[in-house]
Amino acid sequence: MTSGRTRRALFALVLILAYAFAAGGMPSLAPSRADASGPAVSGLIAAHRVGGSFRNLDPGYKRASFVERAYSFIVGGTWFRPENRVAPLPEVSPDTRALRDNGHEPTVTWIGHSTLLVQLDGVNFLTDPTWARRSGPFGGLIGVSRYTPPPVSLEDLPPIDLVLISHDHYDHLDEPTVRELARLFNPRFVVPLGIKDWLADRGITNAEELNWGESTTVKGLTIVCTPAQHGSGRTLLDQGRRLWSSWVVIGSRRFYFGGDSGYYHHFKDIGEALGPFDLAALPIGSYTPREHASPVHMSPEEALQAAIDLRAERFVGIHWGTFGLAREPYDEPPKRLAAEVERRGLSPDGIWILKPGQTASW
């Protein structure tokens, strides 16, 4: 059995590496305005490139190599180990009519993974939308299967005005999904540096890209690009070429979307510069194995600390329970989060674990 698993793992690794070398061609290393622009928000530092790649704020940041991470994922992933096999999460059928009719109440609906439908001041927006059945290259032809399906179809969403993208990894930027959103709604895509050109190559031109600290306005909401500690790249050839970020949305309420991030002091910086927040959406899954994950993925305990750093009144956990991406049991993240809330003596009222399709007012 072990030798069979090893053969399958090596075969999958060969597929991943073959795609990484074959897809997309060489990335552009043309200078970006990011190299000269300064932050538009006091207290936030703009991202900078070194040798054509963006860098994290932490000078000690170091991550395992792509090959080490790929092999660890293949032999340790939930799809490979029977003891960590997954089951669909129980879901709620969303009231799509109420969502379409809502023009004033701030709500958040968890679609799955890092995808949220957020309603604020009459504006409907999505975060890192993916309706993919499989997360991976070639439009999901190969990759990681989704075990909790989306609770609502794209066609049944309310009109989408805005889409926020945190970075270009397949589970956060799904090509078929963004193509269909552009066709159905023509929303404004607000993205980190480098992703606007990626969208344009696919015929999506209603887009604006920002560096950390820069902001824009969409239908009366102020959107601020804020730091994250992560990485980017869809192949071996474009690692770090496009920026990664978190996002702040300011209207009558303040919303923070963490995207995907390791824990660092940027959460305190954002909380001091733009907080307090009425709601923060933070990733709580894909934190194992820690020797590979800790630079770029928070544990549930770290996510709770990040919410405290942000000065968030409410915290909703995302990036779990959807794709078989990590080694931890698929239902472990909310259990660890609840245990940490109890250990710290905090009220659980503002710590939300939503079911897919569940809507909460904030």
Protein backbone atom coordinates (compact mmCIF):
# COMPACT_ATOMS: atom_id res chain seq x y z
CA MET A 1 0.00 0.00 0.00
CA THR A 2 2.77 2.42 0.94
CA SER A 3 4.71 1.83 -2.27
CA GLY A 4 1.51 2.34 -4.27
CA ARG A 5 0.89 5.66 -2.52
CA THR A 6 4.45 6.72 -3.16
CA ARG A 7 4.14 5.93 -6.86
CA ARG A 8 0.92 7.94 -7.09
CA ALA A 9 2.54 10.82 -5.20
CA LEU A 10 5.55 10.88 -7.50
CA PHE A 11 3.32 10.74 -10.56
CA ALA A 12 1.24 13.65 -9.27
CA LEU A 13 4.41 15.61 -8.49
CA VAL A 14 5.64 15.07 -12.05
CA LEU A 15 2.31 16.41 -13.37
CA ILE A 16 2.55 19.50 -11.19
CA LEU A 17 6.13 20.24 -12.17
CA ALA A 18 5.44 19.59 -15.86
CA TYR A 19 2.57 22.06 -15.78
CA ALA A 20 4.64 24.58 -13.85
CA PHE A 21 7.33 24.59 -16.52
CA ALA A 22 4.95 24.45 -19.49
CA ALA A 23 2.18 26.90 -18.67
CA GLY A 24 2.09 30.57 -19.32
CA GLY A 25 5.56 31.33 -20.65
CA MET A 26 8.03 33.65 -19.00
CA PRO A 27 6.53 36.42 -16.83
CA SER A 28 7.13 40.05 -17.59
CA LEU A 29 9.82 41.68 -15.47
CA ALA A 30 8.93 45.19 -16.60
CA PRO A 31 9.23 47.85 -13.89
CA SER A 32 6.00 48.54 -12.05
CA ARG A 33 4.70 51.74 -10.52
CA ALA A 34 4.94 49.79 -7.25
CA ASP A 35 8.68 50.41 -7.26
CA ALA A 36 8.21 54.15 -6.90
CA SER A 37 4.80 54.70 -5.32
CA GLY A 38 4.42 55.41 -1.63
CA PRO A 39 1.61 54.47 0.73
CA ALA A 40 -1.60 56.48 0.54
CA VAL A 41 -2.59 55.51 4.09
CA SER A 42 -0.39 56.64 6.95
CA GLY A 43 1.10 53.70 8.84
CA LEU A 44 1.03 51.25 5.93
CA ILE A 45 4.14 50.42 3.93
CA ALA A 46 3.99 49.92 0.17
CA ALA A 47 5.10 46.58 -1.25
CA HIS A 48 8.43 46.51 -3.06
CA ARG A 49 10.08 44.24 -5.58
CA VAL A 50 13.48 42.64 -5.29
CA GLY A 51 14.82 41.07 -8.47
CA GLY A 52 11.39 41.22 -10.10
CA SER A 53 9.53 39.56 -7.21
CA PHE A 54 7.50 41.14 -4.44
CA ARG A 55 8.65 40.66 -0.86
CA ASN A 56 6.89 40.28 2.48
CA LEU A 57 7.36 42.80 5.28
CA ASP A 58 9.04 40.33 7.63
CA PRO A 59 12.81 40.47 6.86
CA GLY A 60 13.16 36.96 8.30
CA TYR A 61 10.46 35.49 6.07
CA LYS A 62 11.54 32.19 4.55
CA ARG A 63 9.46 29.47 2.98
CA ALA A 64 10.16 25.89 1.96
CA SER A 65 10.90 25.32 -1.70
CA PHE A 66 8.11 24.70 -4.21
CA VAL A 67 9.18 21.07 -4.63
CA GLU A 68 9.23 20.44 -0.86
CA ARG A 69 5.78 21.97 -0.48
CA ALA A 70 4.36 20.08 -3.45
CA TYR A 71 5.66 16.74 -2.20
CA SER A 72 4.44 17.42 1.35
CA PHE A 73 1.01 18.37 0.03
CA ILE A 74 0.75 15.28 -2.16
CA VAL A 75 1.77 12.68 0.43
CA GLY A 76 0.07 14.43 3.36
CA GLY A 77 -3.06 15.94 1.82
CA THR A 78 -6.53 14.95 2.96
CA TRP A 79 -7.23 13.39 -0.44
CA PHE A 80 -4.26 11.02 0.01
CA ARG A 81 -4.63 9.92 3.64
CA PRO A 82 -7.77 7.88 4.45
CA GLU A 83 -7.69 8.98 8.11
CA ASN A 84 -8.18 12.59 7.02
CA ARG A 85 -10.82 11.97 4.33
CA VAL A 86 -13.44 14.65 4.21
CA ALA A 87 -17.22 14.93 4.08
CA PRO A 88 -19.35 17.85 2.91
CA LEU A 89 -20.15 20.36 5.62
CA PRO A 90 -23.83 20.78 6.48
CA GLU A 91 -25.10 23.79 4.59
CA VAL A 92 -27.93 26.28 4.69
CA SER A 93 -29.97 27.14 1.62
CA PRO A 94 -29.59 30.93 1.38
CA ASP A 95 -32.63 33.15 0.96
CA THR A 96 -31.62 34.46 -2.46
CA ARG A 97 -34.69 36.66 -2.79
CA ALA A 98 -33.92 38.40 0.51
CA LEU A 99 -30.32 38.89 -0.58
CA ARG A 100 -31.43 40.41 -3.90
CA ASP A 101 -33.94 42.69 -2.16
CA ASN A 102 -31.54 43.81 0.57
CA GLY A 103 -30.49 47.40 0.00
CA HIS A 104 -29.46 48.56 3.45
CA GLU A 105 -28.65 45.85 6.02
CA PRO A 106 -24.98 44.82 6.31
CA THR A 107 -24.81 41.04 5.80
CA VAL A 108 -22.18 38.39 5.17
CA THR A 109 -22.83 34.98 3.57
CA TRP A 110 -20.21 32.26 3.50
CA ILE A 111 -20.11 30.52 0.12
CA GLY A 112 -17.12 28.36 1.08
CA HIS A 113 -13.35 28.55 1.43
CA SER A 114 -12.42 32.28 1.21
CA THR A 115 -15.51 33.23 -0.80
CA LEU A 116 -17.90 35.57 0.97
CA LEU A 117 -20.87 37.50 -0.36
CA VAL A 118 -20.83 40.79 1.55
CA GLN A 119 -23.57 43.42 1.42
CA LEU A 120 -22.81 46.91 2.68
CA ASP A 121 -24.59 50.21 1.95
CA GLY A 122 -26.46 48.73 -1.00
CA VAL A 123 -23.28 47.34 -2.60
CA ASN A 124 -22.89 43.59 -3.20
CA PHE A 125 -19.35 42.25 -3.37
CA LEU A 126 -17.51 38.93 -3.38
CA THR A 127 -14.15 38.00 -1.90
CA ASP A 128 -11.84 35.54 -3.71
CA PRO A 129 -14.75 33.93 -5.56
CA THR A 130 -14.42 30.27 -6.52
CA TRP A 131 -17.25 28.03 -7.63
CA ALA A 132 -14.73 25.47 -8.86
CA ARG A 133 -15.38 21.74 -8.48
CA ARG A 134 -11.61 21.29 -8.48
CA SER A 135 -8.94 23.86 -7.64
CA GLY A 136 -6.00 23.70 -10.00
CA PRO A 137 -4.57 24.47 -13.45
CA PHE A 138 -6.30 24.16 -16.82
CA GLY A 139 -9.56 25.47 -15.38
CA GLY A 140 -9.56 22.76 -12.72
CA LEU A 141 -8.89 19.88 -15.10
CA ILE A 142 -6.38 18.65 -12.53
CA GLY A 143 -6.03 19.71 -8.93
CA VAL A 144 -7.71 19.39 -5.54
CA SER A 145 -11.37 18.38 -5.42
CA ARG A 146 -14.01 20.40 -3.63
CA TYR A 147 -15.88 18.36 -1.04
CA THR A 148 -18.37 21.03 0.11
CA PRO A 149 -20.25 22.37 -2.92
CA PRO A 150 -21.28 26.02 -3.28
CA PRO A 151 -24.67 26.55 -1.62
CA VAL A 152 -25.88 28.91 -4.36
CA SER A 153 -25.29 29.17 -8.09
CA LEU A 154 -23.62 32.18 -9.68
CA GLU A 155 -26.85 32.93 -11.54
CA ASP A 156 -28.83 33.14 -8.29
CA LEU A 157 -26.55 35.75 -6.70
CA PRO A 158 -27.75 39.32 -6.31
CA PRO A 159 -26.15 41.70 -8.85
CA ILE A 160 -22.45 41.78 -8.00
CA ASP A 161 -20.92 45.27 -8.05
CA LEU A 162 -17.40 44.50 -6.85
CA VAL A 163 -14.98 41.57 -6.66
CA LEU A 164 -11.95 41.60 -4.36
CA ILE A 165 -9.03 39.28 -5.14
CA SER A 166 -6.30 38.72 -2.54
CA HIS A 167 -3.76 36.85 -4.71
CA ASP A 168 -3.39 34.58 -7.72
CA HIS A 169 -3.29 31.09 -6.18
CA TYR A 170 -5.82 28.73 -7.76
CA ASP A 171 -8.05 28.44 -4.69
CA HIS A 172 -8.38 32.25 -4.55
CA LEU A 173 -8.38 33.22 -8.23
CA ASP A 174 -10.41 30.72 -10.24
CA GLU A 175 -10.42 31.52 -13.95
CA PRO A 176 -13.79 29.97 -14.92
CA THR A 177 -15.48 31.72 -11.98
CA VAL A 178 -14.16 35.21 -12.72
CA ARG A 179 -14.93 34.80 -16.42
CA GLU A 180 -18.54 33.92 -15.61
CA LEU A 181 -18.88 36.75 -13.08
CA ALA A 182 -17.63 39.21 -15.69
CA ARG A 183 -20.15 37.85 -18.20
CA LEU A 184 -23.10 37.91 -15.79
CA PHE A 185 -22.51 41.15 -13.88
CA ASN A 186 -19.49 43.06 -15.24
CA PRO A 187 -18.40 43.93 -11.68
CA ARG A 188 -15.40 46.10 -10.87
CA PHE A 189 -12.47 43.82 -10.02
CA VAL A 190 -10.14 45.41 -7.46
CA VAL A 191 -6.90 43.45 -7.29
CA PRO A 192 -3.26 43.64 -6.15
CA LEU A 193 -0.54 44.72 -8.57
CA GLY A 194 0.01 42.38 -11.50
CA ILE A 195 -3.41 40.73 -11.55
CA LYS A 196 -5.02 43.41 -13.73
CA ASP A 197 -2.93 42.26 -16.71
CA TRP A 198 -3.80 38.63 -15.97
CA LEU A 199 -7.50 39.54 -16.10
CA ALA A 200 -7.05 41.61 -19.25
CA ASP A 201 -5.44 38.63 -20.99
CA ARG A 202 -8.74 36.85 -20.39
CA GLY A 203 -10.91 39.69 -21.67
CA ILE A 204 -11.80 41.13 -18.25
CA THR A 205 -11.09 44.86 -18.45
CA ASN A 206 -13.25 46.37 -15.70
CA ALA A 207 -10.41 46.15 -13.20
CA GLU A 208 -8.22 48.33 -11.02
CA GLU A 209 -5.01 47.28 -9.29
CA LEU A 210 -3.50 48.72 -6.13
CA ASN A 211 -0.36 48.51 -4.04
CA TRP A 212 -0.45 48.18 -0.26
CA GLY A 213 -1.68 51.44 1.24
CA GLU A 214 -3.41 52.65 -1.91
CA SER A 215 -7.18 53.09 -2.10
CA THR A 216 -10.03 53.55 -4.53
CA THR A 217 -13.78 54.20 -4.35
CA VAL A 218 -16.50 51.94 -5.70
CA LYS A 219 -20.15 53.03 -5.40
CA GLY A 220 -19.42 55.10 -2.30
CA LEU A 221 -17.30 52.47 -0.53
CA THR A 222 -13.62 53.13 0.10
CA ILE A 223 -11.46 50.11 -0.75
CA VAL A 224 -7.94 50.00 0.73
CA CYS A 225 -5.27 47.51 -0.30
CA THR A 226 -3.51 46.32 2.85
CA PRO A 227 -0.54 44.00 3.54
CA ALA A 228 -0.60 40.25 3.99
CA GLN A 229 2.19 37.75 4.55
CA HIS A 230 1.91 35.21 1.79
CA GLY A 231 3.12 34.68 -1.78
CA SER A 232 1.91 34.31 -5.33
CA GLY A 233 2.41 32.30 -8.47
CA ARG A 234 0.46 29.87 -10.61
CA THR A 235 3.56 28.17 -12.08
CA LEU A 236 7.23 27.81 -11.21
CA LEU A 237 7.95 30.64 -13.61
CA ASP A 238 5.84 33.39 -12.03
CA GLN A 239 6.52 32.99 -8.32
CA GLY A 240 6.22 36.36 -6.55
CA ARG A 241 5.56 38.31 -9.76
CA ARG A 242 2.07 39.41 -8.71
CA LEU A 243 1.33 41.03 -5.37
CA TRP A 244 -0.73 39.47 -2.57
CA SER A 245 -2.82 41.52 -0.16
CA SER A 246 -5.64 41.79 2.32
CA TRP A 247 -8.46 44.33 1.87
CA VAL A 248 -10.31 46.91 3.92
CA VAL A 249 -13.77 48.13 2.88
CA ILE A 250 -15.06 51.28 4.54
CA GLY A 251 -18.63 52.53 4.38
CA SER A 252 -21.13 52.91 7.19
CA ARG A 253 -19.33 49.86 8.66
CA ARG A 254 -15.72 48.70 8.43
CA PHE A 255 -14.91 45.29 6.96
CA TYR A 256 -11.55 43.51 6.79
CA PHE A 257 -10.82 40.59 4.47
CA GLY A 258 -7.64 38.70 5.33
CA GLY A 259 -7.31 36.68 2.12
CA ASP A 260 -4.51 34.28 3.03
CA SER A 261 -1.72 35.16 5.42
CA GLY A 262 0.77 34.06 7.98
CA TYR A 263 0.79 35.90 11.30
CA TYR A 264 2.90 39.04 11.53
CA HIS A 265 2.68 42.57 12.96
CA HIS A 266 0.93 43.87 9.82
CA PHE A 267 -2.38 43.04 11.53
CA LYS A 268 -1.57 45.53 14.30
CA ASP A 269 -0.46 48.09 11.74
CA ILE A 270 -3.74 47.76 9.86
CA GLY A 271 -5.77 47.88 13.06
CA GLU A 272 -4.03 51.07 14.15
CA ALA A 273 -4.26 52.71 10.72
CA LEU A 274 -7.80 51.74 9.72
CA GLY A 275 -9.55 50.03 12.62
CA PRO A 276 -11.48 49.24 14.62
CA PHE A 277 -13.44 46.89 12.38
CA ASP A 278 -17.04 45.82 12.68
CA LEU A 279 -16.22 42.49 11.00
CA ALA A 280 -12.96 40.73 10.11
CA ALA A 281 -12.84 37.64 7.88
CA LEU A 282 -9.69 35.65 8.63
CA PRO A 283 -8.33 32.29 7.42
CA ILE A 284 -8.31 29.50 10.01
CA GLY A 285 -7.37 26.42 7.93
CA SER A 286 -4.48 24.86 5.95
CA TYR A 287 -2.04 25.43 8.83
CA THR A 288 -0.31 22.04 8.74
CA PRO A 289 2.41 20.87 8.58
CA ARG A 290 3.59 23.85 10.60
CA GLU A 291 7.19 23.74 9.34
CA HIS A 292 5.88 24.53 5.85
CA ALA A 293 2.64 26.37 6.57
CA SER A 294 3.51 28.80 9.38
CA PRO A 295 5.09 31.53 7.22
CA VAL A 296 1.98 31.80 5.03
CA HIS A 297 -1.00 30.25 6.87
CA MET A 298 -2.21 31.09 10.36
CA SER A 299 -3.33 28.56 12.91
CA PRO A 300 -6.79 29.16 14.43
CA GLU A 301 -5.09 30.50 17.56
CA GLU A 302 -3.05 32.98 15.52
CA ALA A 303 -6.14 34.03 13.58
CA LEU A 304 -7.87 34.90 16.85
CA GLN A 305 -4.85 36.99 17.86
CA ALA A 306 -4.95 38.70 14.45
CA ALA A 307 -8.60 39.64 15.05
CA ILE A 308 -7.60 41.15 18.38
CA ASP A 309 -4.72 43.04 16.72
CA LEU A 310 -7.16 44.40 14.13
CA ARG A 311 -9.51 45.55 16.90
CA ALA A 312 -12.35 43.63 15.29
CA GLU A 313 -15.72 43.48 17.04
CA ARG A 314 -16.69 40.34 15.10
CA PHE A 315 -14.57 37.64 13.50
CA VAL A 316 -15.70 35.11 10.88
CA GLY A 317 -13.49 32.13 10.07
CA ILE A 318 -12.80 31.37 6.41
CA HIS A 319 -10.39 29.19 4.35
CA TRP A 320 -11.49 25.84 5.72
CA GLY A 321 -14.01 23.06 5.12
CA THR A 322 -14.10 23.29 1.32
CA PHE A 323 -11.04 21.90 -0.50
CA GLY A 324 -8.78 19.02 0.60
CA LEU A 325 -5.74 21.24 0.86
CA ALA A 326 -4.07 20.50 4.18
CA ARG A 327 -3.05 17.76 6.59
CA GLU A 328 -5.21 18.74 9.54
CA PRO A 329 -8.58 16.98 9.85
CA TYR A 330 -11.06 18.99 7.83
CA ASP A 331 -13.30 19.77 10.84
CA GLU A 332 -10.46 20.64 13.24
CA PRO A 333 -10.08 24.44 12.64
CA PRO A 334 -13.37 25.55 14.28
CA LYS A 335 -12.79 23.20 17.22
CA ARG A 336 -9.35 24.67 17.87
CA LEU A 337 -10.72 28.18 17.50
CA ALA A 338 -13.49 27.50 20.04
CA ALA A 339 -10.97 26.00 22.47
CA GLU A 340 -8.74 29.08 22.20
CA VAL A 341 -11.69 31.41 22.76
CA GLU A 342 -12.52 29.46 25.94
CA ARG A 343 -8.88 29.37 27.07
CA ARG A 344 -8.63 33.15 26.79
CA GLY A 345 -11.94 33.68 28.59
CA LEU A 346 -13.43 35.57 25.62
CA SER A 347 -17.09 35.78 24.72
CA PRO A 348 -17.93 33.46 21.80
CA ASP A 349 -20.72 35.77 20.62
CA GLY A 350 -18.49 37.69 18.23
CA ILE A 351 -16.62 34.62 16.93
CA TRP A 352 -18.54 33.24 13.97
CA ILE A 353 -18.25 29.89 12.24
CA LEU A 354 -20.89 30.04 9.53
CA LYS A 355 -22.33 27.12 7.64
CA PRO A 356 -22.01 27.31 3.85
CA GLY A 357 -24.92 29.44 2.68
CA GLN A 358 -25.56 30.94 6.12
CA THR A 359 -26.13 34.70 6.25
CA ALA A 360 -25.37 36.85 9.29
CA SER A 361 -26.03 40.53 9.90
CA TRP A 362 -23.21 42.66 11.19
